[in-house]
Amino acid sequence: MNLTVTSNIEKVKASDWNSFVNNHPKGNIFQTYDEYRLLQGIHNVDVFFIAVFNHDNILCGILLGRTIRELSGPLGYFSSRTVIYGGPLIDHKLEDNSLILDLMLKRLDKKVKKKCIFVQFRNFFDWGDYRKIFEKNGYQLFERLNYIVDTSSQTIVKKRISSSKLRQVKKGLSAGAQIITPENIEQVKDLYQLLYNLYKYKVKKPLVVWSFFENFYKQSKEGNLGIIKLIKFENKIIGGIVAPIFQDKVIYELYVCGLDQQYKNAYPSVLATWAAIDYAVKNNIKTFDFMGVGVPDKEYGVRNFKSKFGGELVNYGRFGKINNKFHYYITEIGFNILALFRKI
């Protein structure tokens, strides 16, 4: 098979790129040209793509990813990782798809091996026999659970969601909480501050910088990428969700939070999650994707919360590869020490 691999954005038409992803059976918002535009110019985020063309110069493979650093300068490498959501996407009609995947993984290795400590594929589907190609290129499959909610009809949603969650939705709204679309950028900043505090003090993981949310908000106002829904109570923003959307197929829970302890009767986290599910039902979007609920056989409080919304439990896992084990373990130790200081 005569194939051409490129990372030159000028070699790919945006219309061809989006058409390929939109018509792919495993297509998702995170592999689109629109996502590429979103990530452009985000501080400490290097967005990249890999495309494969056949001998007729027809697109037959796309991989879009990002290399993220939490620190600038020389120390940036020690906080660097490369993440690929829902990709790569390969033309399944071709005979030797394994060759295309192998070429893309090898090109990826050349692009990021010296730029990040580890690479991670967050899978949205089961790779099946292709797992061998990942393993041949040094990747290991790690188990990760997720819930997918069927939002194809209101009847299905209300049948599968727990009665306790439906009661909490009703109680929150009756108490005066509102589900709103952001009225201005300041309200989105309020949501970002809630997320920032959540990630710093509770999740203890880095949160993407403000400019990502600013770009997402601007594009969502234009009808692109997805939606932001906020929970407003007593004239304050007490929760919300950032939810990318892919066609009529899926809406994703990318970021969500709520001040549940401070506003117990308003149930902001429940309402934020419900806001996206309800939007999906009303706009004929088939599924709602929680984007991860932890590792099997390991206690994870959020999993119990998300399980009440009636989703199907799946385990597509994540492929991971450490580029430099010595630096990786130094970084792990550093982040663990930092986490201890945050508890003090």
C-alpha atoms as a PDB file:
ATOM      1  CA  MET A   1       0.000   0.000   0.000  1.00  0.00           C
ATOM      2  CA  ASN A   2       1.474   3.354  -1.075  1.00  0.00           C
ATOM      3  CA  LEU A   3       0.881   5.783   1.791  1.00  0.00           C
ATOM      4  CA  THR A   4       1.995   9.334   2.605  1.00  0.00           C
ATOM      5  CA  VAL A   5       2.281  10.588   6.200  1.00  0.00           C
ATOM      6  CA  THR A   6       2.330  14.313   6.964  1.00  0.00           C
ATOM      7  CA  SER A   7       2.167  16.695   9.914  1.00  0.00           C
ATOM      8  CA  ASN A   8       1.977  19.775   7.702  1.00  0.00           C
ATOM      9  CA  ILE A   9      -1.376  21.477   8.271  1.00  0.00           C
ATOM     10  CA  GLU A  10      -1.205  23.082   4.839  1.00  0.00           C
ATOM     11  CA  LYS A  11      -1.414  19.634   3.236  1.00  0.00           C
ATOM     12  CA  VAL A  12      -4.927  19.021   4.599  1.00  0.00           C
ATOM     13  CA  LYS A  13      -8.076  20.950   3.693  1.00  0.00           C
ATOM     14  CA  ALA A  14     -10.235  21.736   6.712  1.00  0.00           C
ATOM     15  CA  SER A  15     -13.327  20.565   4.822  1.00  0.00           C
ATOM     16  CA  ASP A  16     -11.692  17.204   3.993  1.00  0.00           C
ATOM     17  CA  TRP A  17     -10.519  16.804   7.576  1.00  0.00           C
ATOM     18  CA  ASN A  18     -13.956  17.442   9.111  1.00  0.00           C
ATOM     19  CA  SER A  19     -15.685  15.354   6.443  1.00  0.00           C
ATOM     20  CA  PHE A  20     -13.421  12.409   7.228  1.00  0.00           C
ATOM     21  CA  VAL A  21     -14.120  12.642  10.981  1.00  0.00           C
ATOM     22  CA  ASN A  22     -17.838  13.364  10.607  1.00  0.00           C
ATOM     23  CA  ASN A  23     -18.375  10.313   8.409  1.00  0.00           C
ATOM     24  CA  HIS A  24     -16.158   7.973  10.414  1.00  0.00           C
ATOM     25  CA  PRO A  25     -18.080   5.390  12.515  1.00  0.00           C
ATOM     26  CA  LYS A  26     -15.866   6.258  15.506  1.00  0.00           C
ATOM     27  CA  GLY A  27     -15.738   9.998  14.798  1.00  0.00           C
ATOM     28  CA  ASN A  28     -15.657  12.411  17.739  1.00  0.00           C
ATOM     29  CA  ILE A  29     -15.293  16.129  18.398  1.00  0.00           C
ATOM     30  CA  PHE A  30     -11.730  15.760  19.735  1.00  0.00           C
ATOM     31  CA  GLN A  31     -10.354  14.705  16.344  1.00  0.00           C
ATOM     32  CA  THR A  32     -11.933  17.508  14.296  1.00  0.00           C
ATOM     33  CA  TYR A  33     -10.387  20.565  12.691  1.00  0.00           C
ATOM     34  CA  ASP A  34     -12.617  22.666  14.999  1.00  0.00           C
ATOM     35  CA  GLU A  35     -10.831  21.134  17.996  1.00  0.00           C
ATOM     36  CA  TYR A  36      -7.503  21.976  16.373  1.00  0.00           C
ATOM     37  CA  ARG A  37      -8.616  25.608  16.120  1.00  0.00           C
ATOM     38  CA  LEU A  38      -9.722  25.591  19.766  1.00  0.00           C
ATOM     39  CA  LEU A  39      -6.305  24.452  20.989  1.00  0.00           C
ATOM     40  CA  GLN A  40      -4.292  26.856  18.841  1.00  0.00           C
ATOM     41  CA  GLY A  41      -2.566  29.502  20.934  1.00  0.00           C
ATOM     42  CA  ILE A  42      -3.414  27.989  24.342  1.00  0.00           C
ATOM     43  CA  HIS A  43      -0.585  28.727  26.777  1.00  0.00           C
ATOM     44  CA  ASN A  44       1.683  25.719  27.420  1.00  0.00           C
ATOM     45  CA  VAL A  45      -0.298  23.534  24.991  1.00  0.00           C
ATOM     46  CA  ASP A  46       1.296  22.360  21.740  1.00  0.00           C
ATOM     47  CA  VAL A  47      -1.360  21.017  19.389  1.00  0.00           C
ATOM     48  CA  PHE A  48      -0.288  18.660  16.602  1.00  0.00           C
ATOM     49  CA  PHE A  49      -1.819  16.401  14.021  1.00  0.00           C
ATOM     50  CA  ILE A  50      -0.791  13.511  11.800  1.00  0.00           C
ATOM     51  CA  ALA A  51      -2.559  12.704   8.538  1.00  0.00           C
ATOM     52  CA  VAL A  52      -2.188   9.737   6.193  1.00  0.00           C
ATOM     53  CA  PHE A  53      -3.078   9.813   2.483  1.00  0.00           C
ATOM     54  CA  ASN A  54      -3.350   6.906   0.077  1.00  0.00           C
ATOM     55  CA  HIS A  55      -1.855   6.745  -3.448  1.00  0.00           C
ATOM     56  CA  ASP A  56      -4.830   8.751  -4.804  1.00  0.00           C
ATOM     57  CA  ASN A  57      -4.124  11.510  -2.257  1.00  0.00           C
ATOM     58  CA  ILE A  58      -7.311  10.641  -0.365  1.00  0.00           C
ATOM     59  CA  LEU A  59      -7.317  11.088   3.394  1.00  0.00           C
ATOM     60  CA  CYS A  60      -7.357   7.729   5.189  1.00  0.00           C
ATOM     61  CA  GLY A  61      -6.146   8.537   8.714  1.00  0.00           C
ATOM     62  CA  ILE A  62      -6.206  11.414  11.237  1.00  0.00           C
ATOM     63  CA  LEU A  63      -4.586  11.775  14.641  1.00  0.00           C
ATOM     64  CA  LEU A  64      -5.027  15.000  16.619  1.00  0.00           C
ATOM     65  CA  GLY A  65      -3.356  15.445  19.998  1.00  0.00           C
ATOM     66  CA  ARG A  66      -1.881  17.908  22.411  1.00  0.00           C
ATOM     67  CA  THR A  67       1.306  18.103  24.475  1.00  0.00           C
ATOM     68  CA  ILE A  68       0.629  19.882  27.757  1.00  0.00           C
ATOM     69  CA  ARG A  69       3.066  21.501  30.194  1.00  0.00           C
ATOM     70  CA  GLU A  70       2.129  22.910  33.584  1.00  0.00           C
ATOM     71  CA  LEU A  71       5.390  24.857  33.927  1.00  0.00           C
ATOM     72  CA  SER A  72       7.241  27.156  31.562  1.00  0.00           C
ATOM     73  CA  GLY A  73      10.936  27.162  30.742  1.00  0.00           C
ATOM     74  CA  PRO A  74      13.369  24.274  31.355  1.00  0.00           C
ATOM     75  CA  LEU A  75      11.175  22.764  34.091  1.00  0.00           C
ATOM     76  CA  GLY A  76       8.287  22.464  31.648  1.00  0.00           C
ATOM     77  CA  TYR A  77       9.502  19.075  30.480  1.00  0.00           C
ATOM     78  CA  PHE A  78       8.986  17.584  33.957  1.00  0.00           C
ATOM     79  CA  SER A  79       5.275  18.472  33.828  1.00  0.00           C
ATOM     80  CA  SER A  80       4.762  17.469  30.195  1.00  0.00           C
ATOM     81  CA  ARG A  81       2.496  14.790  28.780  1.00  0.00           C
ATOM     82  CA  THR A  82       0.900  14.088  25.419  1.00  0.00           C
ATOM     83  CA  VAL A  83      -2.798  13.217  25.336  1.00  0.00           C
ATOM     84  CA  ILE A  84      -4.910  11.956  22.424  1.00  0.00           C
ATOM     85  CA  TYR A  85      -8.683  11.782  22.889  1.00  0.00           C
ATOM     86  CA  GLY A  86     -10.640   9.326  20.752  1.00  0.00           C
ATOM     87  CA  GLY A  87      -8.003   8.755  18.107  1.00  0.00           C
ATOM     88  CA  PRO A  88      -6.432   8.019  15.809  1.00  0.00           C
ATOM     89  CA  LEU A  89      -9.222   7.517  13.280  1.00  0.00           C
ATOM     90  CA  ILE A  90      -8.471   5.176  10.379  1.00  0.00           C
ATOM     91  CA  ASP A  91     -10.451   4.417   7.220  1.00  0.00           C
ATOM     92  CA  HIS A  92     -11.886   1.001   8.090  1.00  0.00           C
ATOM     93  CA  LYS A  93     -12.750   0.266   4.480  1.00  0.00           C
ATOM     94  CA  LEU A  94      -9.098  -0.178   3.564  1.00  0.00           C
ATOM     95  CA  GLU A  95      -7.557  -3.643   3.605  1.00  0.00           C
ATOM     96  CA  ASP A  96      -4.494  -3.073   5.780  1.00  0.00           C
ATOM     97  CA  ASN A  97      -5.529  -0.664   8.514  1.00  0.00           C
ATOM     98  CA  SER A  98      -2.816  -1.987  10.817  1.00  0.00           C
ATOM     99  CA  LEU A  99      -0.151  -0.501   8.539  1.00  0.00           C
ATOM    100  CA  ILE A 100      -1.771   2.956   8.760  1.00  0.00           C
ATOM    101  CA  LEU A 101      -1.933   2.745  12.561  1.00  0.00           C
ATOM    102  CA  ASP A 102       1.682   1.598  12.749  1.00  0.00           C
ATOM    103  CA  LEU A 103       2.839   4.510  10.563  1.00  0.00           C
ATOM    104  CA  MET A 104       0.925   7.025  12.675  1.00  0.00           C
ATOM    105  CA  LEU A 105       2.307   5.705  15.963  1.00  0.00           C
ATOM    106  CA  LYS A 106       5.839   5.801  14.617  1.00  0.00           C
ATOM    107  CA  ARG A 107       5.387   9.390  13.402  1.00  0.00           C
ATOM    108  CA  LEU A 108       3.901  10.310  16.785  1.00  0.00           C
ATOM    109  CA  ASP A 109       6.929   8.859  18.532  1.00  0.00           C
ATOM    110  CA  LYS A 110       9.252  11.040  16.447  1.00  0.00           C
ATOM    111  CA  LYS A 111       7.187  14.152  17.153  1.00  0.00           C
ATOM    112  CA  VAL A 112       6.811  13.900  20.931  1.00  0.00           C
ATOM    113  CA  LYS A 113       9.370  11.448  22.341  1.00  0.00           C
ATOM    114  CA  LYS A 114      11.781  14.203  23.389  1.00  0.00           C
ATOM    115  CA  LYS A 115       9.048  16.707  24.247  1.00  0.00           C
ATOM    116  CA  CYS A 116       7.096  14.873  26.938  1.00  0.00           C
ATOM    117  CA  ILE A 117       7.545  12.300  29.678  1.00  0.00           C
ATOM    118  CA  PHE A 118       4.612  10.094  28.700  1.00  0.00           C
ATOM    119  CA  VAL A 119       1.945   9.620  26.022  1.00  0.00           C
ATOM    120  CA  GLN A 120      -1.645   8.601  26.697  1.00  0.00           C
ATOM    121  CA  PHE A 121      -4.500   7.593  24.379  1.00  0.00           C
ATOM    122  CA  ARG A 122      -7.918   8.050  26.006  1.00  0.00           C
ATOM    123  CA  ASN A 123      -9.990   5.520  24.107  1.00  0.00           C
ATOM    124  CA  PHE A 124     -13.609   6.057  23.099  1.00  0.00           C
ATOM    125  CA  PHE A 125     -13.972   2.582  21.606  1.00  0.00           C
ATOM    126  CA  ASP A 126     -12.540  -0.928  21.798  1.00  0.00           C
ATOM    127  CA  TRP A 127      -9.441  -1.293  19.596  1.00  0.00           C
ATOM    128  CA  GLY A 128      -9.756  -5.089  19.457  1.00  0.00           C
ATOM    129  CA  ASP A 129      -7.027  -6.692  17.340  1.00  0.00           C
ATOM    130  CA  TYR A 130      -5.305  -3.320  16.836  1.00  0.00           C
ATOM    131  CA  ARG A 131      -4.115  -3.536  20.431  1.00  0.00           C
ATOM    132  CA  LYS A 132      -1.173  -5.599  19.140  1.00  0.00           C
ATOM    133  CA  ILE A 133       0.006  -2.647  17.013  1.00  0.00           C
ATOM    134  CA  PHE A 134      -0.006  -0.362  20.053  1.00  0.00           C
ATOM    135  CA  GLU A 135       1.910  -2.940  22.088  1.00  0.00           C
ATOM    136  CA  LYS A 136       4.444  -3.384  19.275  1.00  0.00           C
ATOM    137  CA  ASN A 137       5.086   0.371  19.499  1.00  0.00           C
ATOM    138  CA  GLY A 138       5.696   0.263  23.249  1.00  0.00           C
ATOM    139  CA  TYR A 139       2.229   0.995  24.613  1.00  0.00           C
ATOM    140  CA  GLN A 140       0.441  -0.758  27.450  1.00  0.00           C
ATOM    141  CA  LEU A 141      -3.340  -0.909  27.877  1.00  0.00           C
ATOM    142  CA  PHE A 142      -4.559   0.291  31.277  1.00  0.00           C
ATOM    143  CA  GLU A 143      -8.149  -0.356  32.343  1.00  0.00           C
ATOM    144  CA  ARG A 144     -10.452   2.653  32.699  1.00  0.00           C
ATOM    145  CA  LEU A 145     -14.183   2.627  33.281  1.00  0.00           C
ATOM    146  CA  ASN A 146     -16.773   4.977  31.839  1.00  0.00           C
ATOM    147  CA  TYR A 147     -20.538   5.480  31.725  1.00  0.00           C
ATOM    148  CA  ILE A 148     -22.441   6.159  28.502  1.00  0.00           C
ATOM    149  CA  VAL A 149     -26.020   7.395  28.945  1.00  0.00           C
ATOM    150  CA  ASP A 150     -28.671   6.729  26.292  1.00  0.00           C
ATOM    151  CA  THR A 151     -30.326  10.119  25.693  1.00  0.00           C
ATOM    152  CA  SER A 152     -32.284   9.144  22.589  1.00  0.00           C
ATOM    153  CA  SER A 153     -35.585   9.800  24.356  1.00  0.00           C
ATOM    154  CA  GLN A 154     -36.914  11.342  27.545  1.00  0.00           C
ATOM    155  CA  THR A 155     -38.703   8.087  28.344  1.00  0.00           C
ATOM    156  CA  ILE A 156     -35.424   6.136  28.330  1.00  0.00           C
ATOM    157  CA  VAL A 157     -33.612   8.744  30.433  1.00  0.00           C
ATOM    158  CA  LYS A 158     -36.309   8.923  33.102  1.00  0.00           C
ATOM    159  CA  LYS A 159     -36.632   5.142  33.194  1.00  0.00           C
ATOM    160  CA  ARG A 160     -32.921   4.566  33.827  1.00  0.00           C
ATOM    161  CA  ILE A 161     -31.924   7.512  36.009  1.00  0.00           C
ATOM    162  CA  SER A 162     -32.296   6.861  39.749  1.00  0.00           C
ATOM    163  CA  SER A 163     -35.380   8.233  41.460  1.00  0.00           C
ATOM    164  CA  SER A 164     -33.133   9.984  43.995  1.00  0.00           C
ATOM    165  CA  LYS A 165     -31.386  11.979  41.259  1.00  0.00           C
ATOM    166  CA  LEU A 166     -34.712  12.992  39.687  1.00  0.00           C
ATOM    167  CA  ARG A 167     -35.913  14.174  43.109  1.00  0.00           C
ATOM    168  CA  GLN A 168     -32.711  16.191  43.582  1.00  0.00           C
ATOM    169  CA  VAL A 169     -33.177  17.852  40.190  1.00  0.00           C
ATOM    170  CA  LYS A 170     -36.729  18.844  41.150  1.00  0.00           C
ATOM    171  CA  LYS A 171     -35.682  19.999  44.631  1.00  0.00           C
ATOM    172  CA  GLY A 172     -32.799  22.082  43.275  1.00  0.00           C
ATOM    173  CA  LEU A 173     -35.013  23.850  40.758  1.00  0.00           C
ATOM    174  CA  SER A 174     -37.785  24.311  43.319  1.00  0.00           C
ATOM    175  CA  ALA A 175     -35.265  25.866  45.738  1.00  0.00           C
ATOM    176  CA  GLY A 176     -34.573  28.566  43.147  1.00  0.00           C
ATOM    177  CA  ALA A 177     -31.512  27.220  41.312  1.00  0.00           C
ATOM    178  CA  GLN A 178     -31.507  27.946  37.578  1.00  0.00           C
ATOM    179  CA  ILE A 179     -29.850  26.234  34.633  1.00  0.00           C
ATOM    180  CA  ILE A 180     -28.662  29.021  32.333  1.00  0.00           C
ATOM    181  CA  THR A 181     -26.491  29.643  29.309  1.00  0.00           C
ATOM    182  CA  PRO A 182     -23.688  32.134  30.145  1.00  0.00           C
ATOM    183  CA  GLU A 183     -24.887  35.690  29.768  1.00  0.00           C
ATOM    184  CA  ASN A 184     -21.337  37.074  29.555  1.00  0.00           C
ATOM    185  CA  ILE A 185     -17.674  36.120  29.820  1.00  0.00           C
ATOM    186  CA  GLU A 186     -17.596  37.097  33.515  1.00  0.00           C
ATOM    187  CA  GLN A 187     -19.955  34.237  34.376  1.00  0.00           C
ATOM    188  CA  VAL A 188     -17.644  31.822  32.559  1.00  0.00           C
ATOM    189  CA  LYS A 189     -14.773  33.212  34.652  1.00  0.00           C
ATOM    190  CA  ASP A 190     -16.826  32.434  37.761  1.00  0.00           C
ATOM    191  CA  LEU A 191     -17.151  28.817  36.580  1.00  0.00           C
ATOM    192  CA  TYR A 192     -13.430  28.654  35.855  1.00  0.00           C
ATOM    193  CA  GLN A 193     -12.621  29.822  39.384  1.00  0.00           C
ATOM    194  CA  LEU A 194     -14.840  27.085  40.823  1.00  0.00           C
ATOM    195  CA  LEU A 195     -13.063  24.502  38.660  1.00  0.00           C
ATOM    196  CA  TYR A 196      -9.650  25.916  39.546  1.00  0.00           C
ATOM    197  CA  ASN A 197     -10.336  25.551  43.270  1.00  0.00           C
ATOM    198  CA  LEU A 198     -11.767  22.060  42.776  1.00  0.00           C
ATOM    199  CA  TYR A 199      -8.715  20.845  40.858  1.00  0.00           C
ATOM    200  CA  LYS A 200      -6.203  22.518  43.159  1.00  0.00           C
ATOM    201  CA  TYR A 201      -7.603  21.473  46.521  1.00  0.00           C
ATOM    202  CA  LYS A 202      -9.657  18.331  45.902  1.00  0.00           C
ATOM    203  CA  VAL A 203      -8.816  16.673  42.588  1.00  0.00           C
ATOM    204  CA  LYS A 204      -5.154  17.702  42.985  1.00  0.00           C
ATOM    205  CA  LYS A 205      -4.539  17.622  39.254  1.00  0.00           C
ATOM    206  CA  PRO A 206      -3.638  20.450  36.881  1.00  0.00           C
ATOM    207  CA  LEU A 207      -6.457  22.332  35.160  1.00  0.00           C
ATOM    208  CA  VAL A 208      -6.073  23.672  31.637  1.00  0.00           C
ATOM    209  CA  VAL A 209      -5.483  27.442  31.513  1.00  0.00           C
ATOM    210  CA  TRP A 210      -8.233  30.068  31.307  1.00  0.00           C
ATOM    211  CA  SER A 211      -7.710  30.811  27.597  1.00  0.00           C
ATOM    212  CA  PHE A 212      -9.048  27.339  26.740  1.00  0.00           C
ATOM    213  CA  PHE A 213     -12.386  28.160  28.395  1.00  0.00           C
ATOM    214  CA  GLU A 214     -12.407  31.613  26.838  1.00  0.00           C
ATOM    215  CA  ASN A 215     -11.910  30.127  23.353  1.00  0.00           C
ATOM    216  CA  PHE A 216     -14.516  27.437  23.974  1.00  0.00           C
ATOM    217  CA  TYR A 217     -17.056  30.043  25.115  1.00  0.00           C
ATOM    218  CA  LYS A 218     -16.482  32.196  22.041  1.00  0.00           C
ATOM    219  CA  GLN A 219     -16.868  29.250  19.684  1.00  0.00           C
ATOM    220  CA  SER A 220     -19.906  27.898  21.554  1.00  0.00           C
ATOM    221  CA  LYS A 221     -21.621  31.263  21.046  1.00  0.00           C
ATOM    222  CA  GLU A 222     -21.086  30.755  17.318  1.00  0.00           C
ATOM    223  CA  GLY A 223     -22.724  27.327  17.501  1.00  0.00           C
ATOM    224  CA  ASN A 224     -19.445  25.400  17.321  1.00  0.00           C
ATOM    225  CA  LEU A 225     -17.844  22.736  19.530  1.00  0.00           C
ATOM    226  CA  GLY A 226     -20.505  22.473  22.214  1.00  0.00           C
ATOM    227  CA  ILE A 227     -22.223  24.230  25.102  1.00  0.00           C
ATOM    228  CA  ILE A 228     -21.548  25.705  28.516  1.00  0.00           C
ATOM    229  CA  LYS A 229     -24.349  25.498  31.076  1.00  0.00           C
ATOM    230  CA  LEU A 230     -24.204  27.270  34.440  1.00  0.00           C
ATOM    231  CA  ILE A 231     -26.064  26.782  37.704  1.00  0.00           C
ATOM    232  CA  LYS A 232     -27.194  30.130  39.071  1.00  0.00           C
ATOM    233  CA  PHE A 233     -28.522  30.524  42.603  1.00  0.00           C
ATOM    234  CA  GLU A 234     -29.154  33.698  44.606  1.00  0.00           C
ATOM    235  CA  ASN A 235     -27.500  35.646  41.793  1.00  0.00           C
ATOM    236  CA  LYS A 236     -24.279  33.575  42.060  1.00  0.00           C
ATOM    237  CA  ILE A 237     -22.725  30.974  39.795  1.00  0.00           C
ATOM    238  CA  ILE A 238     -22.466  27.866  41.978  1.00  0.00           C
ATOM    239  CA  GLY A 239     -21.744  25.214  39.349  1.00  0.00           C
ATOM    240  CA  GLY A 240     -21.677  24.361  35.687  1.00  0.00           C
ATOM    241  CA  ILE A 241     -20.575  22.100  32.889  1.00  0.00           C
ATOM    242  CA  VAL A 242     -18.446  22.445  29.757  1.00  0.00           C
ATOM    243  CA  ALA A 243     -19.847  19.962  27.249  1.00  0.00           C
ATOM    244  CA  PRO A 244     -18.433  19.450  23.742  1.00  0.00           C
ATOM    245  CA  ILE A 245     -20.890  18.050  21.186  1.00  0.00           C
ATOM    246  CA  PHE A 246     -20.313  15.854  18.142  1.00  0.00           C
ATOM    247  CA  GLN A 247     -23.150  16.090  15.628  1.00  0.00           C
ATOM    248  CA  ASP A 248     -26.310  14.352  16.877  1.00  0.00           C
ATOM    249  CA  LYS A 249     -24.266  11.477  18.268  1.00  0.00           C
ATOM    250  CA  VAL A 250     -22.761  12.447  21.613  1.00  0.00           C
ATOM    251  CA  ILE A 251     -22.386  15.199  24.193  1.00  0.00           C
ATOM    252  CA  TYR A 252     -19.381  14.954  26.541  1.00  0.00           C
ATOM    253  CA  GLU A 253     -18.866  15.932  30.160  1.00  0.00           C
ATOM    254  CA  LEU A 254     -15.457  17.583  29.764  1.00  0.00           C
ATOM    255  CA  TYR A 255     -15.502  19.736  32.919  1.00  0.00           C
ATOM    256  CA  VAL A 256     -18.157  19.854  35.625  1.00  0.00           C
ATOM    257  CA  CYS A 257     -18.376  21.158  39.180  1.00  0.00           C
ATOM    258  CA  GLY A 258     -20.757  22.395  41.855  1.00  0.00           C
ATOM    259  CA  LEU A 259     -20.587  23.932  45.319  1.00  0.00           C
ATOM    260  CA  ASP A 260     -22.518  21.063  46.873  1.00  0.00           C
ATOM    261  CA  GLN A 261     -21.395  21.592  50.467  1.00  0.00           C
ATOM    262  CA  GLN A 262     -22.207  25.308  50.498  1.00  0.00           C
ATOM    263  CA  TYR A 263     -25.532  24.969  48.661  1.00  0.00           C
ATOM    264  CA  LYS A 264     -26.846  21.534  49.641  1.00  0.00           C
ATOM    265  CA  ASN A 265     -30.490  22.288  48.844  1.00  0.00           C
ATOM    266  CA  ALA A 266     -29.629  23.498  45.330  1.00  0.00           C
ATOM    267  CA  TYR A 267     -27.774  20.315  44.278  1.00  0.00           C
ATOM    268  CA  PRO A 268     -25.507  22.181  41.815  1.00  0.00           C
ATOM    269  CA  SER A 269     -23.461  19.149  40.676  1.00  0.00           C
ATOM    270  CA  VAL A 270     -26.616  17.149  39.994  1.00  0.00           C
ATOM    271  CA  LEU A 271     -28.160  20.051  38.070  1.00  0.00           C
ATOM    272  CA  ALA A 272     -24.957  20.619  36.058  1.00  0.00           C
ATOM    273  CA  THR A 273     -24.898  17.003  34.930  1.00  0.00           C
ATOM    274  CA  TRP A 274     -28.643  17.011  34.317  1.00  0.00           C
ATOM    275  CA  ALA A 275     -28.295  20.196  32.235  1.00  0.00           C
ATOM    276  CA  ALA A 276     -26.223  18.360  29.612  1.00  0.00           C
ATOM    277  CA  ILE A 277     -28.403  15.230  29.655  1.00  0.00           C
ATOM    278  CA  ASP A 278     -31.568  17.301  29.308  1.00  0.00           C
ATOM    279  CA  TYR A 279     -29.993  19.320  26.491  1.00  0.00           C
ATOM    280  CA  ALA A 280     -29.145  16.082  24.693  1.00  0.00           C
ATOM    281  CA  VAL A 281     -32.724  14.812  24.941  1.00  0.00           C
ATOM    282  CA  LYS A 282     -34.235  18.102  23.754  1.00  0.00           C
ATOM    283  CA  ASN A 283     -31.790  18.410  20.843  1.00  0.00           C
ATOM    284  CA  ASN A 284     -31.935  14.783  19.665  1.00  0.00           C
ATOM    285  CA  ILE A 285     -28.363  13.916  20.671  1.00  0.00           C
ATOM    286  CA  LYS A 286     -28.153  10.153  21.099  1.00  0.00           C
ATOM    287  CA  THR A 287     -25.733   9.731  24.017  1.00  0.00           C
ATOM    288  CA  PHE A 288     -24.101  11.491  26.956  1.00  0.00           C
ATOM    289  CA  ASP A 289     -20.496  10.498  27.717  1.00  0.00           C
ATOM    290  CA  PHE A 290     -19.105  10.930  31.255  1.00  0.00           C
ATOM    291  CA  MET A 291     -15.500  10.632  29.921  1.00  0.00           C
ATOM    292  CA  GLY A 292     -14.206   8.398  32.670  1.00  0.00           C
ATOM    293  CA  VAL A 293     -15.141   7.061  36.103  1.00  0.00           C
ATOM    294  CA  GLY A 294     -11.885   5.625  37.358  1.00  0.00           C
ATOM    295  CA  VAL A 295     -10.097   2.300  37.597  1.00  0.00           C
ATOM    296  CA  PRO A 296     -11.886  -1.033  38.251  1.00  0.00           C
ATOM    297  CA  ASP A 297     -11.658  -2.411  41.798  1.00  0.00           C
ATOM    298  CA  LYS A 298     -10.444   0.933  43.122  1.00  0.00           C
ATOM    299  CA  GLU A 299     -12.642   3.157  45.269  1.00  0.00           C
ATOM    300  CA  TYR A 300     -13.732   6.274  43.412  1.00  0.00           C
ATOM    301  CA  GLY A 301     -16.493   8.348  44.985  1.00  0.00           C
ATOM    302  CA  VAL A 302     -17.408  10.148  41.779  1.00  0.00           C
ATOM    303  CA  ARG A 303     -18.210   6.791  40.127  1.00  0.00           C
ATOM    304  CA  ASN A 304     -21.047   6.155  42.560  1.00  0.00           C
ATOM    305  CA  PHE A 305     -22.472   9.631  41.879  1.00  0.00           C
ATOM    306  CA  LYS A 306     -22.313   9.181  38.095  1.00  0.00           C
ATOM    307  CA  SER A 307     -23.723   5.661  38.211  1.00  0.00           C
ATOM    308  CA  LYS A 308     -27.073   7.080  39.349  1.00  0.00           C
ATOM    309  CA  PHE A 309     -27.714   8.716  35.965  1.00  0.00           C
ATOM    310  CA  GLY A 310     -28.495   5.403  34.277  1.00  0.00           C
ATOM    311  CA  GLY A 311     -25.495   4.944  32.004  1.00  0.00           C
ATOM    312  CA  GLU A 312     -24.017   1.747  30.585  1.00  0.00           C
ATOM    313  CA  LEU A 313     -20.680   0.828  32.140  1.00  0.00           C
ATOM    314  CA  VAL A 314     -17.901   0.324  29.563  1.00  0.00           C
ATOM    315  CA  ASN A 315     -14.163  -0.292  29.806  1.00  0.00           C
ATOM    316  CA  TYR A 316     -12.249   0.883  26.724  1.00  0.00           C
ATOM    317  CA  GLY A 317      -9.091   1.567  28.707  1.00  0.00           C
ATOM    318  CA  ARG A 318      -6.197   3.867  27.917  1.00  0.00           C
ATOM    319  CA  PHE A 319      -2.997   3.148  26.057  1.00  0.00           C
ATOM    320  CA  GLY A 320       0.019   4.598  27.819  1.00  0.00           C
ATOM    321  CA  LYS A 321       3.726   4.831  27.096  1.00  0.00           C
ATOM    322  CA  ILE A 322       6.484   6.301  29.266  1.00  0.00           C
ATOM    323  CA  ASN A 323       9.196   7.981  27.200  1.00  0.00           C
ATOM    324  CA  ASN A 324      11.652   8.464  30.057  1.00  0.00           C
ATOM    325  CA  LYS A 325      11.086   6.288  33.139  1.00  0.00           C
ATOM    326  CA  PHE A 326      13.693   8.062  35.271  1.00  0.00           C
ATOM    327  CA  HIS A 327      12.181  11.501  34.672  1.00  0.00           C
ATOM    328  CA  TYR A 328       8.669  10.072  35.010  1.00  0.00           C
ATOM    329  CA  TYR A 329       9.310   8.748  38.525  1.00  0.00           C
ATOM    330  CA  ILE A 330      11.040  11.962  39.584  1.00  0.00           C
ATOM    331  CA  THR A 331       7.951  13.853  38.427  1.00  0.00           C
ATOM    332  CA  GLU A 332       5.647  11.459  40.289  1.00  0.00           C
ATOM    333  CA  ILE A 333       7.580  12.029  43.506  1.00  0.00           C
ATOM    334  CA  GLY A 334       7.484  15.792  42.957  1.00  0.00           C
ATOM    335  CA  PHE A 335       3.719  15.897  42.434  1.00  0.00           C
ATOM    336  CA  ASN A 336       3.141  13.689  45.486  1.00  0.00           C
ATOM    337  CA  ILE A 337       5.188  16.041  47.650  1.00  0.00           C
ATOM    338  CA  LEU A 338       3.290  19.017  46.223  1.00  0.00           C
ATOM    339  CA  ALA A 339      -0.003  17.284  47.033  1.00  0.00           C
ATOM    340  CA  LEU A 340       1.109  16.849  50.645  1.00  0.00           C
ATOM    341  CA  PHE A 341       1.917  20.561  50.938  1.00  0.00           C
ATOM    342  CA  ARG A 342      -1.534  21.429  49.577  1.00  0.00           C
ATOM    343  CA  LYS A 343      -3.105  19.428  52.405  1.00  0.00           C
ATOM    344  CA  ILE A 344      -1.264  21.435  55.070  1.00  0.00           C
END
